[in-house]
Amino acid sequence: MTPMRVNRRRAVLTGAAALLSLNSMGSTAQTAWPNKPVRIVVPFAPGGTTDLLARAVAPELSKAFGQQFIVDNKAGAGGNLGADAVAKSAPDGYTLLMGTVGTHGINRALYPKLPYDPIKDFAPITMVAGVPNVMVVSAEFARTNGIHNVQDFIKLAKSKPGKLNMASSGNGTSIHLAGELFKSQTGIFMTHIPYRGSGPALLDLVGGQVDVMFDNLPSAMQLIKGGKLKALAVTSAARSSALPDAPTIEEAAGLKGFEATSWFGLLAPAGTPADVVNRVQQEVARALGSPAINEKMLAQGAIPSGNTPTQFAALIDSEHKKWAQVVKASGARVD
């Protein structure tokens, strides 16, 4: 082969290699995550704590990644509808779930046929926040019935067996379970009225269609501050710094060991690339660590987290065991 032909052949090979390299770089750029909007599914109606927390972190993630993180409310079946939709989504990082203690800690013990596996079908990203629940009645209900504290409510409920009802954000939520635990430990009976989220339940509570609710503190806080709701007690083991005058259920009613708190966190479908999971966790942790968001959440009664995927997975595992015992002890059922 002549030197001219050898040089020409080398030039062709070099050009081909360069073209392949450019195509490879272009392909990588095109597939870099995220290159389109990301959906955060909230498995409850707007207005509840799950929704509020999703809408707190979504703008921060949009700024961090340069793509819109859109909150999509998909309510129904105590959070199961939205959770199942995410479990069956492509594990490409474009569909996330704002899961809860209900969807990932309670429902497997409460529902005989859960359409998804809370452990196997998800990749935990990070716990966003933990919150106490608060036992609330409408201000009008309290005035009409002379309700000043939890003991007054228990006395009223026992004088009207089966006549009072309690609202919740859905079957299997910590709001539901807190009420069931309260019923079992006080020996009172109230009819459970499940809603598709805290927002519509709170509207009916204020309007007098239901009598009591054990809501997540952040979603009830503004109505408490505005005088529409009366806070009787928090369901955590200790008082909340956001509502320091409200006693715990244990303090107010002498129910030793009473505790029913909630948590909320981001999850992705199982098989989502670890790099995507880790990047989202890091940005959520950074956002929650900023003074503005941290202080705002604490003022609403939420305790920011931002823990690692491994830590969040361990929490979910431990919550399964804890809530299975609570479900059994309370006699809670899907109604």
C-alpha atoms as a PDB file:
ATOM      1  CA  MET A   1       0.000   0.000   0.000  1.00  0.00           C
ATOM      2  CA  THR A   2       1.471   3.382  -0.985  1.00  0.00           C
ATOM      3  CA  PRO A   3       2.134   6.047   1.676  1.00  0.00           C
ATOM      4  CA  MET A   4      -0.593   8.265   0.162  1.00  0.00           C
ATOM      5  CA  ARG A   5      -3.209   5.487   0.527  1.00  0.00           C
ATOM      6  CA  VAL A   6      -2.090   4.756   4.099  1.00  0.00           C
ATOM      7  CA  ASN A   7      -2.447   8.415   5.068  1.00  0.00           C
ATOM      8  CA  ARG A   8      -5.816   8.639   3.356  1.00  0.00           C
ATOM      9  CA  ARG A   9      -7.017   5.522   5.244  1.00  0.00           C
ATOM     10  CA  ARG A  10      -5.823   6.943   8.566  1.00  0.00           C
ATOM     11  CA  ALA A  11      -7.623  10.190   7.866  1.00  0.00           C
ATOM     12  CA  VAL A  12     -10.869   8.341   7.171  1.00  0.00           C
ATOM     13  CA  LEU A  13     -10.547   6.250  10.362  1.00  0.00           C
ATOM     14  CA  THR A  14      -9.690   9.313  12.430  1.00  0.00           C
ATOM     15  CA  GLY A  15     -12.678  11.191  11.039  1.00  0.00           C
ATOM     16  CA  ALA A  16     -14.978   8.262  11.735  1.00  0.00           C
ATOM     17  CA  ALA A  17     -13.707   7.993  15.301  1.00  0.00           C
ATOM     18  CA  ALA A  18     -14.252  11.710  15.849  1.00  0.00           C
ATOM     19  CA  LEU A  19     -17.784  11.462  14.464  1.00  0.00           C
ATOM     20  CA  LEU A  20     -18.569   8.520  16.757  1.00  0.00           C
ATOM     21  CA  SER A  21     -17.213  10.492  19.700  1.00  0.00           C
ATOM     22  CA  LEU A  22     -19.372  13.515  18.856  1.00  0.00           C
ATOM     23  CA  ASN A  23     -22.443  11.306  18.433  1.00  0.00           C
ATOM     24  CA  SER A  24     -21.724   9.684  21.778  1.00  0.00           C
ATOM     25  CA  MET A  25     -21.407  13.071  23.461  1.00  0.00           C
ATOM     26  CA  GLY A  26     -24.619  14.240  21.823  1.00  0.00           C
ATOM     27  CA  SER A  27     -26.428  11.098  22.955  1.00  0.00           C
ATOM     28  CA  THR A  28     -25.209  11.584  26.538  1.00  0.00           C
ATOM     29  CA  ALA A  29     -26.327  15.206  26.512  1.00  0.00           C
ATOM     30  CA  GLN A  30     -29.729  14.216  25.210  1.00  0.00           C
ATOM     31  CA  THR A  31     -30.233  11.554  27.893  1.00  0.00           C
ATOM     32  CA  ALA A  32     -28.827  13.546  30.816  1.00  0.00           C
ATOM     33  CA  TRP A  33     -31.397  13.719  33.623  1.00  0.00           C
ATOM     34  CA  PRO A  34     -33.521  15.787  33.780  1.00  0.00           C
ATOM     35  CA  ASN A  35     -34.131  17.006  30.246  1.00  0.00           C
ATOM     36  CA  LYS A  36     -37.897  17.412  30.683  1.00  0.00           C
ATOM     37  CA  PRO A  37     -40.314  18.208  33.551  1.00  0.00           C
ATOM     38  CA  VAL A  38     -40.454  15.849  36.550  1.00  0.00           C
ATOM     39  CA  ARG A  39     -43.774  14.918  38.157  1.00  0.00           C
ATOM     40  CA  ILE A  40     -44.177  14.641  41.947  1.00  0.00           C
ATOM     41  CA  VAL A  41     -47.331  12.649  42.618  1.00  0.00           C
ATOM     42  CA  VAL A  42     -49.183  13.601  45.809  1.00  0.00           C
ATOM     43  CA  PRO A  43     -51.592  10.754  46.623  1.00  0.00           C
ATOM     44  CA  PHE A  44     -54.061  13.065  48.387  1.00  0.00           C
ATOM     45  CA  ALA A  45     -56.183  16.100  47.550  1.00  0.00           C
ATOM     46  CA  PRO A  46     -54.712  19.621  47.668  1.00  0.00           C
ATOM     47  CA  GLY A  47     -54.555  21.432  50.993  1.00  0.00           C
ATOM     48  CA  GLY A  48     -53.179  18.697  53.236  1.00  0.00           C
ATOM     49  CA  THR A  49     -49.687  18.370  54.686  1.00  0.00           C
ATOM     50  CA  THR A  50     -48.526  15.957  51.955  1.00  0.00           C
ATOM     51  CA  ASP A  51     -49.488  18.546  49.364  1.00  0.00           C
ATOM     52  CA  LEU A  52     -47.986  21.457  51.312  1.00  0.00           C
ATOM     53  CA  LEU A  53     -44.627  19.731  51.693  1.00  0.00           C
ATOM     54  CA  ALA A  54     -44.504  18.699  48.030  1.00  0.00           C
ATOM     55  CA  ARG A  55     -45.188  22.289  47.005  1.00  0.00           C
ATOM     56  CA  ALA A  56     -42.463  23.498  49.373  1.00  0.00           C
ATOM     57  CA  VAL A  57     -39.717  21.344  47.839  1.00  0.00           C
ATOM     58  CA  ALA A  58     -40.840  21.369  44.172  1.00  0.00           C
ATOM     59  CA  PRO A  59     -39.723  24.967  43.432  1.00  0.00           C
ATOM     60  CA  GLU A  60     -36.355  24.316  45.081  1.00  0.00           C
ATOM     61  CA  LEU A  61     -35.790  21.249  42.903  1.00  0.00           C
ATOM     62  CA  SER A  62     -36.888  23.216  39.820  1.00  0.00           C
ATOM     63  CA  LYS A  63     -34.245  25.846  40.567  1.00  0.00           C
ATOM     64  CA  ALA A  64     -31.551  23.281  41.318  1.00  0.00           C
ATOM     65  CA  PHE A  65     -32.049  21.180  38.179  1.00  0.00           C
ATOM     66  CA  GLY A  66     -33.291  23.741  35.656  1.00  0.00           C
ATOM     67  CA  GLN A  67     -36.459  21.776  34.899  1.00  0.00           C
ATOM     68  CA  GLN A  68     -39.974  22.087  36.269  1.00  0.00           C
ATOM     69  CA  PHE A  69     -40.928  19.751  39.131  1.00  0.00           C
ATOM     70  CA  ILE A  70     -44.710  19.630  38.874  1.00  0.00           C
ATOM     71  CA  VAL A  71     -46.982  18.566  41.748  1.00  0.00           C
ATOM     72  CA  ASP A  72     -49.720  16.197  40.548  1.00  0.00           C
ATOM     73  CA  ASN A  73     -52.512  15.371  43.025  1.00  0.00           C
ATOM     74  CA  LYS A  74     -53.803  11.835  42.482  1.00  0.00           C
ATOM     75  CA  ALA A  75     -56.069  11.119  45.456  1.00  0.00           C
ATOM     76  CA  GLY A  76     -57.970   8.001  46.393  1.00  0.00           C
ATOM     77  CA  ALA A  77     -57.991   4.807  48.468  1.00  0.00           C
ATOM     78  CA  GLY A  78     -56.043   6.251  51.393  1.00  0.00           C
ATOM     79  CA  GLY A  79     -53.122   7.203  49.159  1.00  0.00           C
ATOM     80  CA  ASN A  80     -52.979   3.810  47.448  1.00  0.00           C
ATOM     81  CA  LEU A  81     -54.127   5.085  44.058  1.00  0.00           C
ATOM     82  CA  GLY A  82     -51.297   7.581  43.659  1.00  0.00           C
ATOM     83  CA  ALA A  83     -48.686   5.299  45.214  1.00  0.00           C
ATOM     84  CA  ASP A  84     -49.636   2.455  42.888  1.00  0.00           C
ATOM     85  CA  ALA A  85     -49.442   4.733  39.843  1.00  0.00           C
ATOM     86  CA  VAL A  86     -45.865   5.689  40.744  1.00  0.00           C
ATOM     87  CA  ALA A  87     -44.899   2.085  41.530  1.00  0.00           C
ATOM     88  CA  LYS A  88     -45.928   1.132  38.001  1.00  0.00           C
ATOM     89  CA  SER A  89     -44.225   4.126  36.326  1.00  0.00           C
ATOM     90  CA  ALA A  90     -40.997   3.915  34.337  1.00  0.00           C
ATOM     91  CA  PRO A  91     -37.940   4.051  36.650  1.00  0.00           C
ATOM     92  CA  ASP A  92     -36.420   6.945  34.720  1.00  0.00           C
ATOM     93  CA  GLY A  93     -36.506   9.672  37.366  1.00  0.00           C
ATOM     94  CA  TYR A  94     -39.415  11.572  35.818  1.00  0.00           C
ATOM     95  CA  THR A  95     -42.103  10.327  38.212  1.00  0.00           C
ATOM     96  CA  LEU A  96     -41.637  10.657  41.972  1.00  0.00           C
ATOM     97  CA  LEU A  97     -43.985  10.127  44.917  1.00  0.00           C
ATOM     98  CA  MET A  98     -44.471  12.175  48.059  1.00  0.00           C
ATOM     99  CA  GLY A  99     -45.123   9.122  50.199  1.00  0.00           C
ATOM    100  CA  THR A 100     -46.402   9.090  53.757  1.00  0.00           C
ATOM    101  CA  VAL A 101     -46.503   6.957  56.857  1.00  0.00           C
ATOM    102  CA  GLY A 102     -49.843   5.772  55.469  1.00  0.00           C
ATOM    103  CA  THR A 103     -48.713   4.682  52.007  1.00  0.00           C
ATOM    104  CA  HIS A 104     -45.440   3.195  53.243  1.00  0.00           C
ATOM    105  CA  GLY A 105     -45.926   2.359  56.911  1.00  0.00           C
ATOM    106  CA  ILE A 106     -49.574   1.586  57.653  1.00  0.00           C
ATOM    107  CA  ASN A 107     -51.441   0.443  54.576  1.00  0.00           C
ATOM    108  CA  ARG A 108     -49.808  -2.954  54.195  1.00  0.00           C
ATOM    109  CA  ALA A 109     -51.132  -3.897  57.638  1.00  0.00           C
ATOM    110  CA  LEU A 110     -54.553  -2.346  57.049  1.00  0.00           C
ATOM    111  CA  TYR A 111     -55.442  -3.370  53.501  1.00  0.00           C
ATOM    112  CA  PRO A 112     -55.769  -7.111  52.777  1.00  0.00           C
ATOM    113  CA  LYS A 113     -54.845  -6.586  49.109  1.00  0.00           C
ATOM    114  CA  LEU A 114     -52.459  -3.690  48.574  1.00  0.00           C
ATOM    115  CA  PRO A 115     -51.835  -3.115  44.831  1.00  0.00           C
ATOM    116  CA  TYR A 116     -48.153  -2.297  45.379  1.00  0.00           C
ATOM    117  CA  ASP A 117     -45.332  -3.446  47.646  1.00  0.00           C
ATOM    118  CA  PRO A 118     -44.096  -0.483  49.749  1.00  0.00           C
ATOM    119  CA  ILE A 119     -40.618  -2.033  49.988  1.00  0.00           C
ATOM    120  CA  LYS A 120     -39.947  -3.833  46.713  1.00  0.00           C
ATOM    121  CA  ASP A 121     -41.649  -1.385  44.351  1.00  0.00           C
ATOM    122  CA  PHE A 122     -39.886   1.802  45.483  1.00  0.00           C
ATOM    123  CA  ALA A 123     -36.475   3.395  45.815  1.00  0.00           C
ATOM    124  CA  PRO A 124     -36.518   5.646  48.923  1.00  0.00           C
ATOM    125  CA  ILE A 125     -34.959   9.069  48.294  1.00  0.00           C
ATOM    126  CA  THR A 126     -35.334  11.075  51.498  1.00  0.00           C
ATOM    127  CA  MET A 127     -37.700  11.814  54.344  1.00  0.00           C
ATOM    128  CA  VAL A 128     -38.796  15.422  53.930  1.00  0.00           C
ATOM    129  CA  ALA A 129     -40.364  16.012  57.349  1.00  0.00           C
ATOM    130  CA  GLY A 130     -41.979  14.483  60.390  1.00  0.00           C
ATOM    131  CA  VAL A 131     -45.024  16.045  62.044  1.00  0.00           C
ATOM    132  CA  PRO A 132     -47.252  15.500  65.075  1.00  0.00           C
ATOM    133  CA  ASN A 133     -50.985  15.192  64.616  1.00  0.00           C
ATOM    134  CA  VAL A 134     -53.356  17.449  66.491  1.00  0.00           C
ATOM    135  CA  MET A 135     -56.810  16.668  67.855  1.00  0.00           C
ATOM    136  CA  VAL A 136     -59.070  19.477  66.657  1.00  0.00           C
ATOM    137  CA  VAL A 137     -62.745  20.408  66.777  1.00  0.00           C
ATOM    138  CA  SER A 138     -64.400  23.442  65.249  1.00  0.00           C
ATOM    139  CA  ALA A 139     -64.543  26.523  67.429  1.00  0.00           C
ATOM    140  CA  GLU A 140     -68.329  26.516  67.066  1.00  0.00           C
ATOM    141  CA  PHE A 141     -68.586  22.859  68.129  1.00  0.00           C
ATOM    142  CA  ALA A 142     -66.436  23.615  71.184  1.00  0.00           C
ATOM    143  CA  ARG A 143     -68.597  26.596  72.177  1.00  0.00           C
ATOM    144  CA  THR A 144     -71.894  24.785  71.641  1.00  0.00           C
ATOM    145  CA  ASN A 145     -70.862  21.700  73.610  1.00  0.00           C
ATOM    146  CA  GLY A 146     -68.705  23.290  76.297  1.00  0.00           C
ATOM    147  CA  ILE A 147     -65.510  21.576  75.081  1.00  0.00           C
ATOM    148  CA  HIS A 148     -62.435  23.096  76.742  1.00  0.00           C
ATOM    149  CA  ASN A 149     -60.149  20.067  76.771  1.00  0.00           C
ATOM    150  CA  VAL A 150     -59.819  16.385  75.835  1.00  0.00           C
ATOM    151  CA  GLN A 151     -61.611  15.218  78.979  1.00  0.00           C
ATOM    152  CA  ASP A 152     -64.636  17.334  78.057  1.00  0.00           C
ATOM    153  CA  PHE A 153     -64.682  15.712  74.615  1.00  0.00           C
ATOM    154  CA  ILE A 154     -64.454  12.197  76.054  1.00  0.00           C
ATOM    155  CA  LYS A 155     -67.329  12.969  78.447  1.00  0.00           C
ATOM    156  CA  LEU A 156     -69.468  14.239  75.549  1.00  0.00           C
ATOM    157  CA  ALA A 157     -68.655  11.235  73.351  1.00  0.00           C
ATOM    158  CA  LYS A 158     -69.548   8.785  76.116  1.00  0.00           C
ATOM    159  CA  SER A 159     -72.864  10.554  76.677  1.00  0.00           C
ATOM    160  CA  LYS A 160     -73.679  10.179  72.973  1.00  0.00           C
ATOM    161  CA  PRO A 161     -72.403   6.735  71.969  1.00  0.00           C
ATOM    162  CA  GLY A 162     -72.170   6.411  68.185  1.00  0.00           C
ATOM    163  CA  LYS A 163     -73.539   9.930  67.610  1.00  0.00           C
ATOM    164  CA  LEU A 164     -70.203  11.693  66.978  1.00  0.00           C
ATOM    165  CA  ASN A 165     -68.018  11.181  63.917  1.00  0.00           C
ATOM    166  CA  MET A 166     -64.376  11.759  63.124  1.00  0.00           C
ATOM    167  CA  ALA A 167     -62.915  12.841  59.810  1.00  0.00           C
ATOM    168  CA  SER A 168     -59.655  11.678  58.293  1.00  0.00           C
ATOM    169  CA  SER A 169     -57.671  12.264  55.114  1.00  0.00           C
ATOM    170  CA  GLY A 170     -58.375   8.655  54.111  1.00  0.00           C
ATOM    171  CA  ASN A 171     -58.313   5.062  55.274  1.00  0.00           C
ATOM    172  CA  GLY A 172     -54.922   4.021  56.587  1.00  0.00           C
ATOM    173  CA  THR A 173     -53.505   7.492  57.154  1.00  0.00           C
ATOM    174  CA  SER A 174     -51.941   8.363  60.494  1.00  0.00           C
ATOM    175  CA  ILE A 175     -54.902  10.718  60.936  1.00  0.00           C
ATOM    176  CA  HIS A 176     -57.246   7.734  60.730  1.00  0.00           C
ATOM    177  CA  LEU A 177     -55.052   5.546  62.964  1.00  0.00           C
ATOM    178  CA  ALA A 178     -54.646   8.268  65.602  1.00  0.00           C
ATOM    179  CA  GLY A 179     -58.419   8.438  65.877  1.00  0.00           C
ATOM    180  CA  GLU A 180     -58.783   4.654  66.046  1.00  0.00           C
ATOM    181  CA  LEU A 181     -56.118   4.464  68.737  1.00  0.00           C
ATOM    182  CA  PHE A 182     -57.900   7.198  70.692  1.00  0.00           C
ATOM    183  CA  LYS A 183     -61.207   5.323  70.410  1.00  0.00           C
ATOM    184  CA  SER A 184     -59.708   2.032  71.570  1.00  0.00           C
ATOM    185  CA  GLN A 185     -57.892   3.560  74.552  1.00  0.00           C
ATOM    186  CA  THR A 186     -60.823   5.678  75.755  1.00  0.00           C
ATOM    187  CA  GLY A 187     -63.557   3.138  75.057  1.00  0.00           C
ATOM    188  CA  ILE A 188     -65.649   5.581  73.049  1.00  0.00           C
ATOM    189  CA  PHE A 189     -67.271   4.932  69.684  1.00  0.00           C
ATOM    190  CA  MET A 190     -67.257   7.388  66.791  1.00  0.00           C
ATOM    191  CA  THR A 191     -68.039   6.799  63.138  1.00  0.00           C
ATOM    192  CA  HIS A 192     -65.026   7.210  60.861  1.00  0.00           C
ATOM    193  CA  ILE A 193     -65.585   9.428  57.792  1.00  0.00           C
ATOM    194  CA  PRO A 194     -62.668   9.096  55.332  1.00  0.00           C
ATOM    195  CA  TYR A 195     -61.994  11.882  52.811  1.00  0.00           C
ATOM    196  CA  ARG A 196     -59.641  12.133  49.824  1.00  0.00           C
ATOM    197  CA  GLY A 197     -57.266  14.379  51.757  1.00  0.00           C
ATOM    198  CA  SER A 198     -57.044  16.749  54.712  1.00  0.00           C
ATOM    199  CA  GLY A 199     -58.160  19.776  52.700  1.00  0.00           C
ATOM    200  CA  PRO A 200     -61.772  18.669  52.089  1.00  0.00           C
ATOM    201  CA  ALA A 201     -61.976  17.044  55.537  1.00  0.00           C
ATOM    202  CA  LEU A 202     -60.991  20.297  57.242  1.00  0.00           C
ATOM    203  CA  LEU A 203     -63.584  22.226  55.255  1.00  0.00           C
ATOM    204  CA  ASP A 204     -66.317  19.922  56.531  1.00  0.00           C
ATOM    205  CA  LEU A 205     -64.921  20.034  60.070  1.00  0.00           C
ATOM    206  CA  VAL A 206     -65.092  23.832  60.125  1.00  0.00           C
ATOM    207  CA  GLY A 207     -68.539  23.673  58.501  1.00  0.00           C
ATOM    208  CA  GLY A 208     -69.903  21.309  61.155  1.00  0.00           C
ATOM    209  CA  GLN A 209     -70.459  18.260  58.933  1.00  0.00           C
ATOM    210  CA  VAL A 210     -68.009  16.247  61.069  1.00  0.00           C
ATOM    211  CA  ASP A 211     -67.111  16.590  64.744  1.00  0.00           C
ATOM    212  CA  VAL A 212     -63.421  15.901  65.315  1.00  0.00           C
ATOM    213  CA  MET A 213     -60.202  15.230  63.428  1.00  0.00           C
ATOM    214  CA  PHE A 214     -56.672  14.158  64.348  1.00  0.00           C
ATOM    215  CA  ASP A 215     -55.065  16.149  61.547  1.00  0.00           C
ATOM    216  CA  ASN A 216     -51.409  16.688  60.702  1.00  0.00           C
ATOM    217  CA  LEU A 217     -50.433  19.894  62.483  1.00  0.00           C
ATOM    218  CA  PRO A 218     -49.118  21.844  59.438  1.00  0.00           C
ATOM    219  CA  SER A 219     -52.368  21.601  57.492  1.00  0.00           C
ATOM    220  CA  ALA A 220     -54.486  22.531  60.535  1.00  0.00           C
ATOM    221  CA  MET A 221     -52.218  25.295  61.842  1.00  0.00           C
ATOM    222  CA  GLN A 222     -53.664  28.259  59.944  1.00  0.00           C
ATOM    223  CA  LEU A 223     -57.214  27.335  60.914  1.00  0.00           C
ATOM    224  CA  ILE A 224     -56.120  27.015  64.551  1.00  0.00           C
ATOM    225  CA  LYS A 225     -54.368  30.387  64.451  1.00  0.00           C
ATOM    226  CA  GLY A 226     -57.352  31.911  62.690  1.00  0.00           C
ATOM    227  CA  GLY A 227     -59.733  30.756  65.420  1.00  0.00           C
ATOM    228  CA  LYS A 228     -61.723  28.407  63.178  1.00  0.00           C
ATOM    229  CA  LEU A 229     -60.456  25.281  64.954  1.00  0.00           C
ATOM    230  CA  LYS A 230     -59.756  24.562  68.615  1.00  0.00           C
ATOM    231  CA  ALA A 231     -56.676  22.429  69.290  1.00  0.00           C
ATOM    232  CA  LEU A 232     -57.321  20.040  72.183  1.00  0.00           C
ATOM    233  CA  ALA A 233     -54.042  18.092  72.171  1.00  0.00           C
ATOM    234  CA  VAL A 234     -51.184  16.837  70.022  1.00  0.00           C
ATOM    235  CA  THR A 235     -50.692  13.116  69.423  1.00  0.00           C
ATOM    236  CA  SER A 236     -46.894  13.107  69.775  1.00  0.00           C
ATOM    237  CA  ALA A 237     -44.981  11.941  72.838  1.00  0.00           C
ATOM    238  CA  ALA A 238     -43.861  15.509  73.548  1.00  0.00           C
ATOM    239  CA  ARG A 239     -45.473  18.892  73.035  1.00  0.00           C
ATOM    240  CA  SER A 240     -44.881  20.711  69.755  1.00  0.00           C
ATOM    241  CA  SER A 241     -42.808  23.912  69.839  1.00  0.00           C
ATOM    242  CA  ALA A 242     -45.132  25.260  67.135  1.00  0.00           C
ATOM    243  CA  LEU A 243     -48.160  24.826  69.437  1.00  0.00           C
ATOM    244  CA  PRO A 244     -46.662  24.854  72.944  1.00  0.00           C
ATOM    245  CA  ASP A 245     -49.940  25.421  74.804  1.00  0.00           C
ATOM    246  CA  ALA A 246     -51.497  22.231  73.459  1.00  0.00           C
ATOM    247  CA  PRO A 247     -50.859  19.259  75.793  1.00  0.00           C
ATOM    248  CA  THR A 248     -50.124  15.776  74.563  1.00  0.00           C
ATOM    249  CA  ILE A 249     -52.935  13.220  74.514  1.00  0.00           C
ATOM    250  CA  GLU A 250     -51.108  11.393  77.286  1.00  0.00           C
ATOM    251  CA  GLU A 251     -51.045  14.535  79.419  1.00  0.00           C
ATOM    252  CA  ALA A 252     -54.599  15.575  78.640  1.00  0.00           C
ATOM    253  CA  ALA A 253     -56.346  12.218  78.932  1.00  0.00           C
ATOM    254  CA  GLY A 254     -53.943  10.070  80.940  1.00  0.00           C
ATOM    255  CA  LEU A 255     -53.508   7.660  78.020  1.00  0.00           C
ATOM    256  CA  LYS A 256     -50.052   6.325  78.817  1.00  0.00           C
ATOM    257  CA  GLY A 257     -47.779   5.823  75.807  1.00  0.00           C
ATOM    258  CA  PHE A 258     -50.212   7.354  73.323  1.00  0.00           C
ATOM    259  CA  GLU A 259     -48.288   8.402  70.199  1.00  0.00           C
ATOM    260  CA  ALA A 260     -49.332   8.655  66.556  1.00  0.00           C
ATOM    261  CA  THR A 261     -47.119  10.899  64.441  1.00  0.00           C
ATOM    262  CA  SER A 262     -46.708  11.278  60.698  1.00  0.00           C
ATOM    263  CA  TRP A 263     -43.834  11.500  58.251  1.00  0.00           C
ATOM    264  CA  PHE A 264     -43.556  12.372  54.571  1.00  0.00           C
ATOM    265  CA  GLY A 265     -40.844  11.586  52.063  1.00  0.00           C
ATOM    266  CA  LEU A 266     -39.895  11.345  48.405  1.00  0.00           C
ATOM    267  CA  LEU A 267     -39.647   7.976  46.686  1.00  0.00           C
ATOM    268  CA  ALA A 268     -39.059   6.820  43.113  1.00  0.00           C
ATOM    269  CA  PRO A 269     -40.059   3.618  41.314  1.00  0.00           C
ATOM    270  CA  ALA A 270     -37.711   0.707  42.057  1.00  0.00           C
ATOM    271  CA  GLY A 271     -34.875   0.593  39.546  1.00  0.00           C
ATOM    272  CA  THR A 272     -34.485   4.366  39.258  1.00  0.00           C
ATOM    273  CA  PRO A 273     -30.749   5.111  38.720  1.00  0.00           C
ATOM    274  CA  ALA A 274     -28.898   5.605  41.991  1.00  0.00           C
ATOM    275  CA  ASP A 275     -27.313   8.773  40.629  1.00  0.00           C
ATOM    276  CA  VAL A 276     -30.747  10.367  40.166  1.00  0.00           C
ATOM    277  CA  VAL A 277     -31.871   9.259  43.635  1.00  0.00           C
ATOM    278  CA  ASN A 278     -28.742  10.652  45.277  1.00  0.00           C
ATOM    279  CA  ARG A 279     -28.871  13.966  43.407  1.00  0.00           C
ATOM    280  CA  VAL A 280     -32.499  14.577  44.426  1.00  0.00           C
ATOM    281  CA  GLN A 281     -31.731  13.672  48.054  1.00  0.00           C
ATOM    282  CA  GLN A 282     -28.789  16.073  48.150  1.00  0.00           C
ATOM    283  CA  GLU A 283     -30.817  18.969  46.751  1.00  0.00           C
ATOM    284  CA  VAL A 284     -33.748  18.339  49.107  1.00  0.00           C
ATOM    285  CA  ALA A 285     -31.350  18.229  52.075  1.00  0.00           C
ATOM    286  CA  ARG A 286     -29.740  21.470  50.919  1.00  0.00           C
ATOM    287  CA  ALA A 287     -33.141  23.162  50.558  1.00  0.00           C
ATOM    288  CA  LEU A 288     -34.370  21.962  53.960  1.00  0.00           C
ATOM    289  CA  GLY A 289     -31.165  23.264  55.511  1.00  0.00           C
ATOM    290  CA  SER A 290     -31.751  26.798  54.250  1.00  0.00           C
ATOM    291  CA  PRO A 291     -32.919  29.137  57.053  1.00  0.00           C
ATOM    292  CA  ALA A 292     -36.000  30.350  55.149  1.00  0.00           C
ATOM    293  CA  ILE A 293     -37.506  26.914  54.490  1.00  0.00           C
ATOM    294  CA  ASN A 294     -36.315  25.411  57.778  1.00  0.00           C
ATOM    295  CA  GLU A 295     -37.884  28.164  59.869  1.00  0.00           C
ATOM    296  CA  LYS A 296     -41.103  28.144  57.850  1.00  0.00           C
ATOM    297  CA  MET A 297     -41.558  24.397  58.334  1.00  0.00           C
ATOM    298  CA  LEU A 298     -40.796  24.538  62.046  1.00  0.00           C
ATOM    299  CA  ALA A 299     -43.314  27.367  62.500  1.00  0.00           C
ATOM    300  CA  GLN A 300     -45.969  25.146  60.900  1.00  0.00           C
ATOM    301  CA  GLY A 301     -45.143  22.219  63.171  1.00  0.00           C
ATOM    302  CA  ALA A 302     -43.086  20.176  60.675  1.00  0.00           C
ATOM    303  CA  ILE A 303     -39.599  18.943  61.562  1.00  0.00           C
ATOM    304  CA  PRO A 304     -37.398  18.945  58.423  1.00  0.00           C
ATOM    305  CA  SER A 305     -35.253  15.884  57.718  1.00  0.00           C
ATOM    306  CA  GLY A 306     -33.432  15.349  54.399  1.00  0.00           C
ATOM    307  CA  ASN A 307     -31.887  12.033  55.501  1.00  0.00           C
ATOM    308  CA  THR A 308     -30.082   9.658  53.133  1.00  0.00           C
ATOM    309  CA  PRO A 309     -31.794   6.989  51.018  1.00  0.00           C
ATOM    310  CA  THR A 310     -30.338   4.286  53.286  1.00  0.00           C
ATOM    311  CA  GLN A 311     -31.612   5.996  56.424  1.00  0.00           C
ATOM    312  CA  PHE A 312     -35.050   6.535  54.894  1.00  0.00           C
ATOM    313  CA  ALA A 313     -35.247   2.875  53.844  1.00  0.00           C
ATOM    314  CA  ALA A 314     -34.437   1.801  57.410  1.00  0.00           C
ATOM    315  CA  LEU A 315     -37.174   4.097  58.758  1.00  0.00           C
ATOM    316  CA  ILE A 316     -39.758   2.626  56.377  1.00  0.00           C
ATOM    317  CA  ASP A 317     -38.827  -0.890  57.435  1.00  0.00           C
ATOM    318  CA  SER A 318     -39.159  -0.054  61.134  1.00  0.00           C
ATOM    319  CA  GLU A 319     -42.464   1.760  60.560  1.00  0.00           C
ATOM    320  CA  HIS A 320     -44.002  -1.352  58.989  1.00  0.00           C
ATOM    321  CA  LYS A 321     -43.393  -3.263  62.203  1.00  0.00           C
ATOM    322  CA  LYS A 322     -44.577  -0.464  64.496  1.00  0.00           C
ATOM    323  CA  TRP A 323     -47.833   0.276  62.685  1.00  0.00           C
ATOM    324  CA  ALA A 324     -48.755  -3.374  62.219  1.00  0.00           C
ATOM    325  CA  GLN A 325     -48.891  -3.585  66.016  1.00  0.00           C
ATOM    326  CA  VAL A 326     -50.931  -0.343  66.259  1.00  0.00           C
ATOM    327  CA  VAL A 327     -53.424  -1.565  63.644  1.00  0.00           C
ATOM    328  CA  LYS A 328     -53.867  -4.818  65.527  1.00  0.00           C
ATOM    329  CA  ALA A 329     -54.171  -3.155  68.945  1.00  0.00           C
ATOM    330  CA  SER A 330     -56.613  -0.496  67.769  1.00  0.00           C
ATOM    331  CA  GLY A 331     -58.833  -2.835  65.806  1.00  0.00           C
ATOM    332  CA  ALA A 332     -58.686  -0.421  62.856  1.00  0.00           C
ATOM    333  CA  ARG A 333     -60.169  -1.632  59.599  1.00  0.00           C
ATOM    334  CA  VAL A 334     -60.812  -0.319  56.104  1.00  0.00           C
ATOM    335  CA  ASP A 335     -64.380   0.974  55.937  1.00  0.00           C
END
